[in-house]
């Protein structure tokens, strides 16, 4: 079981009322709604940051080696995967 702690959150009156109205419509507490929203936001932003870090790593590797695949090679590979074909990743080249 995860350990929880209390955190204070200040909202303007309009936002607070909107949260309460939505929570009521969903038959959930405002606490549940805000916790769920924060969890979803953090998960989405973590995925975005991982994507950004992967892109930076790929860019650094390209700059160091010059190895790459062309857009056409990538498109052909993706088209095969999209059609259900089991296709190997294209080889990087100079």
PDB file of N, CA and C in Angstrom:
ATOM      1  N   UNK A   1       0.834  -1.175   0.000  1.00  0.00           N
ATOM      2  CA  UNK A   1       0.000   0.000   0.000  1.00  0.00           C
ATOM      3  C   UNK A   1       0.884   1.245   0.000  1.00  0.00           C
ATOM      4  N   UNK A   2       0.584   2.197  -0.841  1.00  0.00           N
ATOM      5  CA  UNK A   2       1.363   3.424  -0.939  1.00  0.00           C
ATOM      6  C   UNK A   2       1.109   4.324   0.258  1.00  0.00           C
ATOM      7  N   UNK A   3       2.170   4.951   0.709  1.00  0.00           N
ATOM      8  CA  UNK A   3       2.047   5.912   1.802  1.00  0.00           C
ATOM      9  C   UNK A   3       1.561   7.227   1.207  1.00  0.00           C
ATOM     10  N   UNK A   4       0.593   7.830   1.839  1.00  0.00           N
ATOM     11  CA  UNK A   4       0.060   9.094   1.352  1.00  0.00           C
ATOM     12  C   UNK A   4       0.341  10.194   2.352  1.00  0.00           C
ATOM     13  N   UNK A   5       0.367  11.405   1.849  1.00  0.00           N
ATOM     14  CA  UNK A   5       0.520  12.561   2.728  1.00  0.00           C
ATOM     15  C   UNK A   5      -0.412  13.656   2.236  1.00  0.00           C
ATOM     16  N   UNK A   6      -0.744  14.545   3.116  1.00  0.00           N
ATOM     17  CA  UNK A   6      -1.662  15.629   2.797  1.00  0.00           C
ATOM     18  C   UNK A   6      -0.905  16.773   2.152  1.00  0.00           C
ATOM     19  N   UNK A   7      -1.489  17.332   1.093  1.00  0.00           N
ATOM     20  CA  UNK A   7      -0.943  18.492   0.404  1.00  0.00           C
ATOM     21  C   UNK A   7      -2.050  19.511   0.258  1.00  0.00           C
ATOM     22  N   UNK A   8      -1.717  20.746   0.508  1.00  0.00           N
ATOM     23  CA  UNK A   8      -2.687  21.821   0.371  1.00  0.00           C
ATOM     24  C   UNK A   8      -2.644  22.357  -1.051  1.00  0.00           C
ATOM     25  N   UNK A   9      -3.800  22.663  -1.600  1.00  0.00           N
ATOM     26  CA  UNK A   9      -3.902  23.170  -2.962  1.00  0.00           C
ATOM     27  C   UNK A   9      -4.841  24.363  -2.961  1.00  0.00           C
ATOM     28  N   UNK A  10      -4.342  25.494  -3.422  1.00  0.00           N
ATOM     29  CA  UNK A  10      -5.179  26.690  -3.473  1.00  0.00           C
ATOM     30  C   UNK A  10      -5.736  26.854  -4.884  1.00  0.00           C
ATOM     31  N   UNK A  11      -7.054  26.985  -4.957  1.00  0.00           N
ATOM     32  CA  UNK A  11      -7.745  27.177  -6.232  1.00  0.00           C
ATOM     33  C   UNK A  11      -8.543  28.463  -6.171  1.00  0.00           C
ATOM     34  N   UNK A  12      -8.665  29.127  -7.315  1.00  0.00           N
ATOM     35  CA  UNK A  12      -9.554  30.290  -7.328  1.00  0.00           C
ATOM     36  C   UNK A  12     -10.993  29.779  -7.217  1.00  0.00           C
ATOM     37  N   UNK A  13     -11.890  30.630  -6.822  1.00  0.00           N
ATOM     38  CA  UNK A  13     -13.268  30.237  -6.529  1.00  0.00           C
ATOM     39  C   UNK A  13     -13.953  29.600  -7.738  1.00  0.00           C
ATOM     40  N   UNK A  14     -13.729  30.158  -8.922  1.00  0.00           N
ATOM     41  CA  UNK A  14     -14.355  29.625 -10.125  1.00  0.00           C
ATOM     42  C   UNK A  14     -13.908  28.184 -10.389  1.00  0.00           C
ATOM     43  N   UNK A  15     -12.616  27.942 -10.304  1.00  0.00           N
ATOM     44  CA  UNK A  15     -12.102  26.581 -10.535  1.00  0.00           C
ATOM     45  C   UNK A  15     -12.629  25.627  -9.476  1.00  0.00           C
ATOM     46  N   UNK A  16     -12.642  26.062  -8.241  1.00  0.00           N
ATOM     47  CA  UNK A  16     -13.149  25.218  -7.155  1.00  0.00           C
ATOM     48  C   UNK A  16     -14.606  24.821  -7.417  1.00  0.00           C
ATOM     49  N   UNK A  17     -15.422  25.769  -7.832  1.00  0.00           N
ATOM     50  CA  UNK A  17     -16.827  25.478  -8.129  1.00  0.00           C
ATOM     51  C   UNK A  17     -16.953  24.520  -9.314  1.00  0.00           C
ATOM     52  N   UNK A  18     -16.133  24.709 -10.311  1.00  0.00           N
ATOM     53  CA  UNK A  18     -16.160  23.812 -11.480  1.00  0.00           C
ATOM     54  C   UNK A  18     -15.799  22.388 -11.076  1.00  0.00           C
ATOM     55  N   UNK A  19     -14.768  22.241 -10.240  1.00  0.00           N
ATOM     56  CA  UNK A  19     -14.358  20.918  -9.751  1.00  0.00           C
ATOM     57  C   UNK A  19     -15.497  20.288  -8.959  1.00  0.00           C
ATOM     58  N   UNK A  20     -16.103  21.048  -8.073  1.00  0.00           N
ATOM     59  CA  UNK A  20     -17.194  20.515  -7.258  1.00  0.00           C
ATOM     60  C   UNK A  20     -18.387  20.095  -8.127  1.00  0.00           C
ATOM     61  N   UNK A  21     -18.701  20.908  -9.126  1.00  0.00           N
ATOM     62  CA  UNK A  21     -19.823  20.593 -10.022  1.00  0.00           C
ATOM     63  C   UNK A  21     -19.535  19.308 -10.803  1.00  0.00           C
ATOM     64  N   UNK A  22     -18.324  19.198 -11.338  1.00  0.00           N
ATOM     65  CA  UNK A  22     -17.964  18.000 -12.100  1.00  0.00           C
ATOM     66  C   UNK A  22     -17.925  16.770 -11.191  1.00  0.00           C
ATOM     67  N   UNK A  23     -17.374  16.929 -10.000  1.00  0.00           N
ATOM     68  CA  UNK A  23     -17.325  15.814  -9.051  1.00  0.00           C
ATOM     69  C   UNK A  23     -18.732  15.326  -8.721  1.00  0.00           C
ATOM     70  N   UNK A  24     -19.647  16.260  -8.521  1.00  0.00           N
ATOM     71  CA  UNK A  24     -21.031  15.897  -8.234  1.00  0.00           C
ATOM     72  C   UNK A  24     -21.656  15.151  -9.406  1.00  0.00           C
ATOM     73  N   UNK A  25     -21.408  15.646 -10.613  1.00  0.00           N
ATOM     74  CA  UNK A  25     -21.964  15.002 -11.806  1.00  0.00           C
ATOM     75  C   UNK A  25     -21.417  13.591 -11.991  1.00  0.00           C
ATOM     76  N   UNK A  26     -20.172  13.384 -11.597  1.00  0.00           N
ATOM     77  CA  UNK A  26     -19.535  12.067 -11.730  1.00  0.00           C
ATOM     78  C   UNK A  26     -19.753  11.183 -10.510  1.00  0.00           C
ATOM     79  N   UNK A  27     -20.432  11.745  -9.514  1.00  0.00           N
ATOM     80  CA  UNK A  27     -20.683  11.030  -8.261  1.00  0.00           C
ATOM     81  C   UNK A  27     -19.376  10.585  -7.603  1.00  0.00           C
ATOM     82  N   UNK A  28     -18.436  11.525  -7.593  1.00  0.00           N
ATOM     83  CA  UNK A  28     -17.136  11.338  -6.964  1.00  0.00           C
ATOM     84  C   UNK A  28     -16.890  12.528  -6.049  1.00  0.00           C
ATOM     85  N   UNK A  29     -15.922  12.394  -5.190  1.00  0.00           N
ATOM     86  CA  UNK A  29     -15.566  13.537  -4.347  1.00  0.00           C
ATOM     87  C   UNK A  29     -14.653  14.475  -5.146  1.00  0.00           C
ATOM     88  N   UNK A  30     -14.625  15.731  -4.732  1.00  0.00           N
ATOM     89  CA  UNK A  30     -13.713  16.686  -5.360  1.00  0.00           C
ATOM     90  C   UNK A  30     -12.272  16.224  -5.148  1.00  0.00           C
ATOM     91  N   UNK A  31     -11.985  15.665  -3.994  1.00  0.00           N
ATOM     92  CA  UNK A  31     -10.652  15.126  -3.699  1.00  0.00           C
ATOM     93  C   UNK A  31     -10.269  14.062  -4.722  1.00  0.00           C
ATOM     94  N   UNK A  32     -11.162  13.114  -4.976  1.00  0.00           N
ATOM     95  CA  UNK A  32     -10.890  12.044  -5.936  1.00  0.00           C
ATOM     96  C   UNK A  32     -10.617  12.630  -7.313  1.00  0.00           C
ATOM     97  N   UNK A  33     -11.453  13.567  -7.725  1.00  0.00           N
ATOM     98  CA  UNK A  33     -11.321  14.171  -9.046  1.00  0.00           C
ATOM     99  C   UNK A  33      -9.974  14.876  -9.208  1.00  0.00           C
ATOM    100  N   UNK A  34      -9.579  15.654  -8.212  1.00  0.00           N
ATOM    101  CA  UNK A  34      -8.307  16.381  -8.293  1.00  0.00           C
ATOM    102  C   UNK A  34      -7.118  15.421  -8.259  1.00  0.00           C
ATOM    103  N   UNK A  35      -7.187  14.401  -7.417  1.00  0.00           N
ATOM    104  CA  UNK A  35      -6.111  13.408  -7.360  1.00  0.00           C
ATOM    105  C   UNK A  35      -5.969  12.688  -8.692  1.00  0.00           C
ATOM    106  N   UNK A  36      -7.094  12.300  -9.269  1.00  0.00           N
ATOM    107  CA  UNK A  36      -7.090  11.620 -10.571  1.00  0.00           C
ATOM    108  C   UNK A  36      -6.494  12.527 -11.657  1.00  0.00           C
ATOM    109  N   UNK A  37      -6.886  13.795 -11.654  1.00  0.00           N
ATOM    110  CA  UNK A  37      -6.379  14.746 -12.643  1.00  0.00           C
ATOM    111  C   UNK A  37      -4.864  14.908 -12.508  1.00  0.00           C
ATOM    112  N   UNK A  38      -4.384  15.013 -11.290  1.00  0.00           N
ATOM    113  CA  UNK A  38      -2.940  15.174 -11.069  1.00  0.00           C
ATOM    114  C   UNK A  38      -2.194  13.919 -11.502  1.00  0.00           C
ATOM    115  N   UNK A  39      -2.706  12.747 -11.156  1.00  0.00           N
ATOM    116  CA  UNK A  39      -2.058  11.492 -11.552  1.00  0.00           C
ATOM    117  C   UNK A  39      -1.975  11.376 -13.073  1.00  0.00           C
ATOM    118  N   UNK A  40      -3.068  11.697 -13.770  1.00  0.00           N
ATOM    119  CA  UNK A  40      -3.063  11.622 -15.230  1.00  0.00           C
ATOM    120  C   UNK A  40      -2.096  12.629 -15.836  1.00  0.00           C
ATOM    121  N   UNK A  41      -2.060  13.836 -15.280  1.00  0.00           N
ATOM    122  CA  UNK A  41      -1.151  14.864 -15.769  1.00  0.00           C
ATOM    123  C   UNK A  41       0.304  14.426 -15.598  1.00  0.00           C
ATOM    124  N   UNK A  42       0.648  13.922 -14.418  1.00  0.00           N
ATOM    125  CA  UNK A  42       2.020  13.514 -14.155  1.00  0.00           C
ATOM    126  C   UNK A  42       2.422  12.368 -15.077  1.00  0.00           C
ATOM    127  N   UNK A  43       1.543  11.401 -15.259  1.00  0.00           N
ATOM    128  CA  UNK A  43       1.835  10.272 -16.148  1.00  0.00           C
ATOM    129  C   UNK A  43       2.078  10.763 -17.577  1.00  0.00           C
ATOM    130  N   UNK A  44       1.214  11.649 -18.063  1.00  0.00           N
ATOM    131  CA  UNK A  44       1.362  12.178 -19.419  1.00  0.00           C
ATOM    132  C   UNK A  44       2.670  12.951 -19.564  1.00  0.00           C
ATOM    133  N   UNK A  45       2.986  13.767 -18.580  1.00  0.00           N
ATOM    134  CA  UNK A  45       4.210  14.575 -18.656  1.00  0.00           C
ATOM    135  C   UNK A  45       5.462  13.717 -18.529  1.00  0.00           C
ATOM    136  N   UNK A  46       5.406  12.643 -17.735  1.00  0.00           N
ATOM    137  CA  UNK A  46       6.542  11.723 -17.649  1.00  0.00           C
ATOM    138  C   UNK A  46       6.794  11.058 -19.001  1.00  0.00           C
ATOM    139  N   UNK A  47       5.723  10.649 -19.688  1.00  0.00           N
ATOM    140  CA  UNK A  47       5.872  10.054 -21.018  1.00  0.00           C
ATOM    141  C   UNK A  47       6.450  11.067 -21.996  1.00  0.00           C
ATOM    142  N   UNK A  48       5.986  12.307 -21.903  1.00  0.00           N
ATOM    143  CA  UNK A  48       6.498  13.363 -22.778  1.00  0.00           C
ATOM    144  C   UNK A  48       7.987  13.591 -22.512  1.00  0.00           C
ATOM    145  N   UNK A  49       8.372  13.622 -21.256  1.00  0.00           N
ATOM    146  CA  UNK A  49       9.785  13.833 -20.908  1.00  0.00           C
ATOM    147  C   UNK A  49      10.646  12.667 -21.371  1.00  0.00           C
ATOM    148  N   UNK A  50      10.143  11.441 -21.257  1.00  0.00           N
ATOM    149  CA  UNK A  50      10.885  10.265 -21.749  1.00  0.00           C
ATOM    150  C   UNK A  50      11.081  10.365 -23.255  1.00  0.00           C
ATOM    151  N   UNK A  51      10.045  10.761 -23.975  1.00  0.00           N
ATOM    152  CA  UNK A  51      10.136  10.932 -25.427  1.00  0.00           C
ATOM    153  C   UNK A  51      11.188  11.989 -25.765  1.00  0.00           C
ATOM    154  N   UNK A  52      11.169  13.106 -25.019  1.00  0.00           N
ATOM    155  CA  UNK A  52      12.128  14.189 -25.253  1.00  0.00           C
ATOM    156  C   UNK A  52      13.559  13.725 -24.991  1.00  0.00           C
ATOM    157  N   UNK A  53      13.745  12.996 -23.894  1.00  0.00           N
ATOM    158  CA  UNK A  53      15.082  12.491 -23.571  1.00  0.00           C
ATOM    159  C   UNK A  53      15.566  11.488 -24.613  1.00  0.00           C
ATOM    160  N   UNK A  54      14.672  10.615 -25.087  1.00  0.00           N
ATOM    161  CA  UNK A  54      15.028   9.662 -26.139  1.00  0.00           C
ATOM    162  C   UNK A  54      15.432  10.385 -27.422  1.00  0.00           C
ATOM    163  N   UNK A  55      14.722  11.456 -27.749  1.00  0.00           N
ATOM    164  CA  UNK A  55      15.048  12.239 -28.948  1.00  0.00           C
ATOM    165  C   UNK A  55      16.416  12.899 -28.804  1.00  0.00           C
ATOM    166  N   UNK A  56      16.710  13.446 -27.627  1.00  0.00           N
ATOM    167  CA  UNK A  56      18.013  14.066 -27.393  1.00  0.00           C
ATOM    168  C   UNK A  56      19.141  13.039 -27.484  1.00  0.00           C
ATOM    169  N   UNK A  57      18.902  11.845 -26.950  1.00  0.00           N
ATOM    170  CA  UNK A  57      19.886  10.769 -27.030  1.00  0.00           C
ATOM    171  C   UNK A  57      20.114  10.352 -28.480  1.00  0.00           C
ATOM    172  N   UNK A  58      19.031  10.205 -29.229  1.00  0.00           N
ATOM    173  CA  UNK A  58      19.144   9.831 -30.648  1.00  0.00           C
ATOM    174  C   UNK A  58      19.886  10.906 -31.438  1.00  0.00           C
ATOM    175  N   UNK A  59      19.597  12.161 -31.152  1.00  0.00           N
ATOM    176  CA  UNK A  59      20.265  13.267 -31.846  1.00  0.00           C
ATOM    177  C   UNK A  59      21.765  13.266 -31.540  1.00  0.00           C
ATOM    178  N   UNK A  60      22.120  13.063 -30.275  1.00  0.00           N
ATOM    179  CA  UNK A  60      23.536  13.022 -29.888  1.00  0.00           C
ATOM    180  C   UNK A  60      24.246  11.857 -30.575  1.00  0.00           C
ATOM    181  N   UNK A  61      23.564  10.705 -30.649  1.00  0.00           N
ATOM    182  CA  UNK A  61      24.160   9.541 -31.318  1.00  0.00           C
ATOM    183  C   UNK A  61      24.353   9.812 -32.803  1.00  0.00           C
ATOM    184  N   UNK A  62      23.361  10.439 -33.433  1.00  0.00           N
ATOM    185  CA  UNK A  62      23.487  10.787 -34.856  1.00  0.00           C
ATOM    186  C   UNK A  62      24.654  11.751 -35.070  1.00  0.00           C
ATOM    187  N   UNK A  63      24.758  12.758 -34.204  1.00  0.00           N
ATOM    188  CA  UNK A  63      25.854  13.717 -34.350  1.00  0.00           C
ATOM    189  C   UNK A  63      27.214  13.047 -34.185  1.00  0.00           C
ATOM    190  N   UNK A  64      27.291  12.057 -33.305  1.00  0.00           N
ATOM    191  CA  UNK A  64      28.559  11.370 -33.051  1.00  0.00           C
ATOM    192  C   UNK A  64      28.923  10.393 -34.162  1.00  0.00           C
ATOM    193  N   UNK A  65      27.906   9.721 -34.737  1.00  0.00           N
ATOM    194  CA  UNK A  65      28.197   8.646 -35.697  1.00  0.00           C
ATOM    195  C   UNK A  65      27.794   8.967 -37.130  1.00  0.00           C
ATOM    196  N   UNK A  66      26.811   9.825 -37.307  1.00  0.00           N
ATOM    197  CA  UNK A  66      26.292  10.113 -38.645  1.00  0.00           C
ATOM    198  C   UNK A  66      25.380   9.021 -39.181  1.00  0.00           C
ATOM    199  N   UNK A  67      25.194   7.965 -38.399  1.00  0.00           N
ATOM    200  CA  UNK A  67      24.346   6.854 -38.863  1.00  0.00           C
ATOM    201  C   UNK A  67      22.873   7.246 -38.757  1.00  0.00           C
ATOM    202  N   UNK A  68      22.094   6.816 -39.758  1.00  0.00           N
ATOM    203  CA  UNK A  68      20.689   7.198 -39.836  1.00  0.00           C
ATOM    204  C   UNK A  68      19.934   6.270 -40.778  1.00  0.00           C
ATOM    205  N   UNK A  69      18.629   6.399 -40.810  1.00  0.00           N
ATOM    206  CA  UNK A  69      17.792   5.820 -41.866  1.00  0.00           C
ATOM    207  C   UNK A  69      17.076   6.997 -42.515  1.00  0.00           C
ATOM    208  N   UNK A  70      16.754   6.841 -43.781  1.00  0.00           N
ATOM    209  CA  UNK A  70      16.051   7.919 -44.472  1.00  0.00           C
ATOM    210  C   UNK A  70      14.571   7.882 -44.109  1.00  0.00           C
ATOM    211  N   UNK A  71      13.903   8.971 -44.375  1.00  0.00           N
ATOM    212  CA  UNK A  71      12.457   9.022 -44.130  1.00  0.00           C
ATOM    213  C   UNK A  71      11.752   7.958 -44.969  1.00  0.00           C
ATOM    214  N   UNK A  72      12.218   7.765 -46.198  1.00  0.00           N
ATOM    215  CA  UNK A  72      11.613   6.752 -47.075  1.00  0.00           C
ATOM    216  C   UNK A  72      11.781   5.357 -46.485  1.00  0.00           C
ATOM    217  N   UNK A  73      12.967   5.052 -45.957  1.00  0.00           N
ATOM    218  CA  UNK A  73      13.207   3.739 -45.341  1.00  0.00           C
ATOM    219  C   UNK A  73      12.305   3.550 -44.120  1.00  0.00           C
ATOM    220  N   UNK A  74      12.186   4.583 -43.329  1.00  0.00           N
ATOM    221  CA  UNK A  74      11.330   4.503 -42.139  1.00  0.00           C
ATOM    222  C   UNK A  74       9.865   4.333 -42.539  1.00  0.00           C
ATOM    223  N   UNK A  75       9.428   5.087 -43.560  1.00  0.00           N
ATOM    224  CA  UNK A  75       8.040   4.976 -44.031  1.00  0.00           C
ATOM    225  C   UNK A  75       7.737   3.575 -44.547  1.00  0.00           C
ATOM    226  N   UNK A  76       8.662   2.997 -45.310  1.00  0.00           N
ATOM    227  CA  UNK A  76       8.461   1.641 -45.832  1.00  0.00           C
ATOM    228  C   UNK A  76       8.343   0.634 -44.692  1.00  0.00           C
ATOM    229  N   UNK A  77       9.205   0.770 -43.687  1.00  0.00           N
ATOM    230  CA  UNK A  77       9.181  -0.129 -42.539  1.00  0.00           C
ATOM    231  C   UNK A  77       7.866   0.012 -41.773  1.00  0.00           C
ATOM    232  N   UNK A  78       7.449   1.251 -41.538  1.00  0.00           N
ATOM    233  CA  UNK A  78       6.195   1.481 -40.814  1.00  0.00           C
ATOM    234  C   UNK A  78       4.985   0.975 -41.594  1.00  0.00           C
ATOM    235  N   UNK A  79       5.011   1.118 -42.905  1.00  0.00           N
ATOM    236  CA  UNK A  79       3.913   0.621 -43.744  1.00  0.00           C
ATOM    237  C   UNK A  79       3.794  -0.897 -43.622  1.00  0.00           C
ATOM    238  N   UNK A  80       4.931  -1.573 -43.586  1.00  0.00           N
ATOM    239  CA  UNK A  80       4.908  -3.035 -43.418  1.00  0.00           C
ATOM    240  C   UNK A  80       4.297  -3.407 -42.064  1.00  0.00           C
ATOM    241  N   UNK A  81       4.734  -2.722 -41.028  1.00  0.00           N
ATOM    242  CA  UNK A  81       4.187  -3.010 -39.697  1.00  0.00           C
ATOM    243  C   UNK A  81       2.688  -2.733 -39.646  1.00  0.00           C
ATOM    244  N   UNK A  82       2.294  -1.631 -40.266  1.00  0.00           N
ATOM    245  CA  UNK A  82       0.878  -1.255 -40.282  1.00  0.00           C
ATOM    246  C   UNK A  82       0.018  -2.302 -40.971  1.00  0.00           C
ATOM    247  N   UNK A  83       0.578  -2.949 -42.004  1.00  0.00           N
ATOM    248  CA  UNK A  83      -0.179  -3.959 -42.741  1.00  0.00           C
ATOM    249  C   UNK A  83      -0.135  -5.325 -42.053  1.00  0.00           C
ATOM    250  N   UNK A  84       0.542  -5.394 -40.895  1.00  0.00           N
ATOM    251  CA  UNK A  84       0.573  -6.641 -40.141  1.00  0.00           C
ATOM    252  C   UNK A  84       1.777  -7.501 -40.438  1.00  0.00           C
ATOM    253  N   UNK A  85       2.650  -7.025 -41.297  1.00  0.00           N
ATOM    254  CA  UNK A  85       3.854  -7.772 -41.651  1.00  0.00           C
ATOM    255  C   UNK A  85       4.868  -7.673 -40.514  1.00  0.00           C
ATOM    256  N   UNK A  86       5.602  -8.751 -40.280  1.00  0.00           N
ATOM    257  CA  UNK A  86       6.655  -8.749 -39.266  1.00  0.00           C
ATOM    258  C   UNK A  86       7.945  -8.287 -39.936  1.00  0.00           C
ATOM    259  N   UNK A  87       8.271  -7.011 -39.829  1.00  0.00           N
ATOM    260  CA  UNK A  87       9.406  -6.429 -40.533  1.00  0.00           C
ATOM    261  C   UNK A  87      10.503  -6.024 -39.556  1.00  0.00           C
ATOM    262  N   UNK A  88      11.738  -6.281 -39.948  1.00  0.00           N
ATOM    263  CA  UNK A  88      12.886  -5.880 -39.133  1.00  0.00           C
ATOM    264  C   UNK A  88      13.105  -4.374 -39.270  1.00  0.00           C
ATOM    265  N   UNK A  89      13.641  -3.798 -38.207  1.00  0.00           N
ATOM    266  CA  UNK A  89      13.983  -2.371 -38.229  1.00  0.00           C
ATOM    267  C   UNK A  89      15.063  -2.163 -39.293  1.00  0.00           C
ATOM    268  N   UNK A  90      14.923  -1.120 -40.122  1.00  0.00           N
ATOM    269  CA  UNK A  90      15.944  -0.885 -41.145  1.00  0.00           C
ATOM    270  C   UNK A  90      17.314  -0.595 -40.512  1.00  0.00           C
ATOM    271  N   UNK A  91      18.370  -1.015 -41.178  1.00  0.00           N
ATOM    272  CA  UNK A  91      19.737  -0.797 -40.699  1.00  0.00           C
ATOM    273  C   UNK A  91      20.135   0.650 -40.873  1.00  0.00           C
ATOM    274  N   UNK A  92      20.787   1.183 -39.851  1.00  0.00           N
ATOM    275  CA  UNK A  92      21.324   2.546 -39.961  1.00  0.00           C
ATOM    276  C   UNK A  92      22.568   2.523 -40.841  1.00  0.00           C
ATOM    277  N   UNK A  93      22.764   3.610 -41.567  1.00  0.00           N
ATOM    278  CA  UNK A  93      23.926   3.723 -42.457  1.00  0.00           C
ATOM    279  C   UNK A  93      24.414   5.155 -42.456  1.00  0.00           C
ATOM    280  N   UNK A  94      25.590   5.359 -43.037  1.00  0.00           N
ATOM    281  CA  UNK A  94      26.169   6.724 -43.130  1.00  0.00           C
ATOM    282  C   UNK A  94      25.512   7.513 -44.230  1.00  0.00           C
TER     283      UNK A  94
END
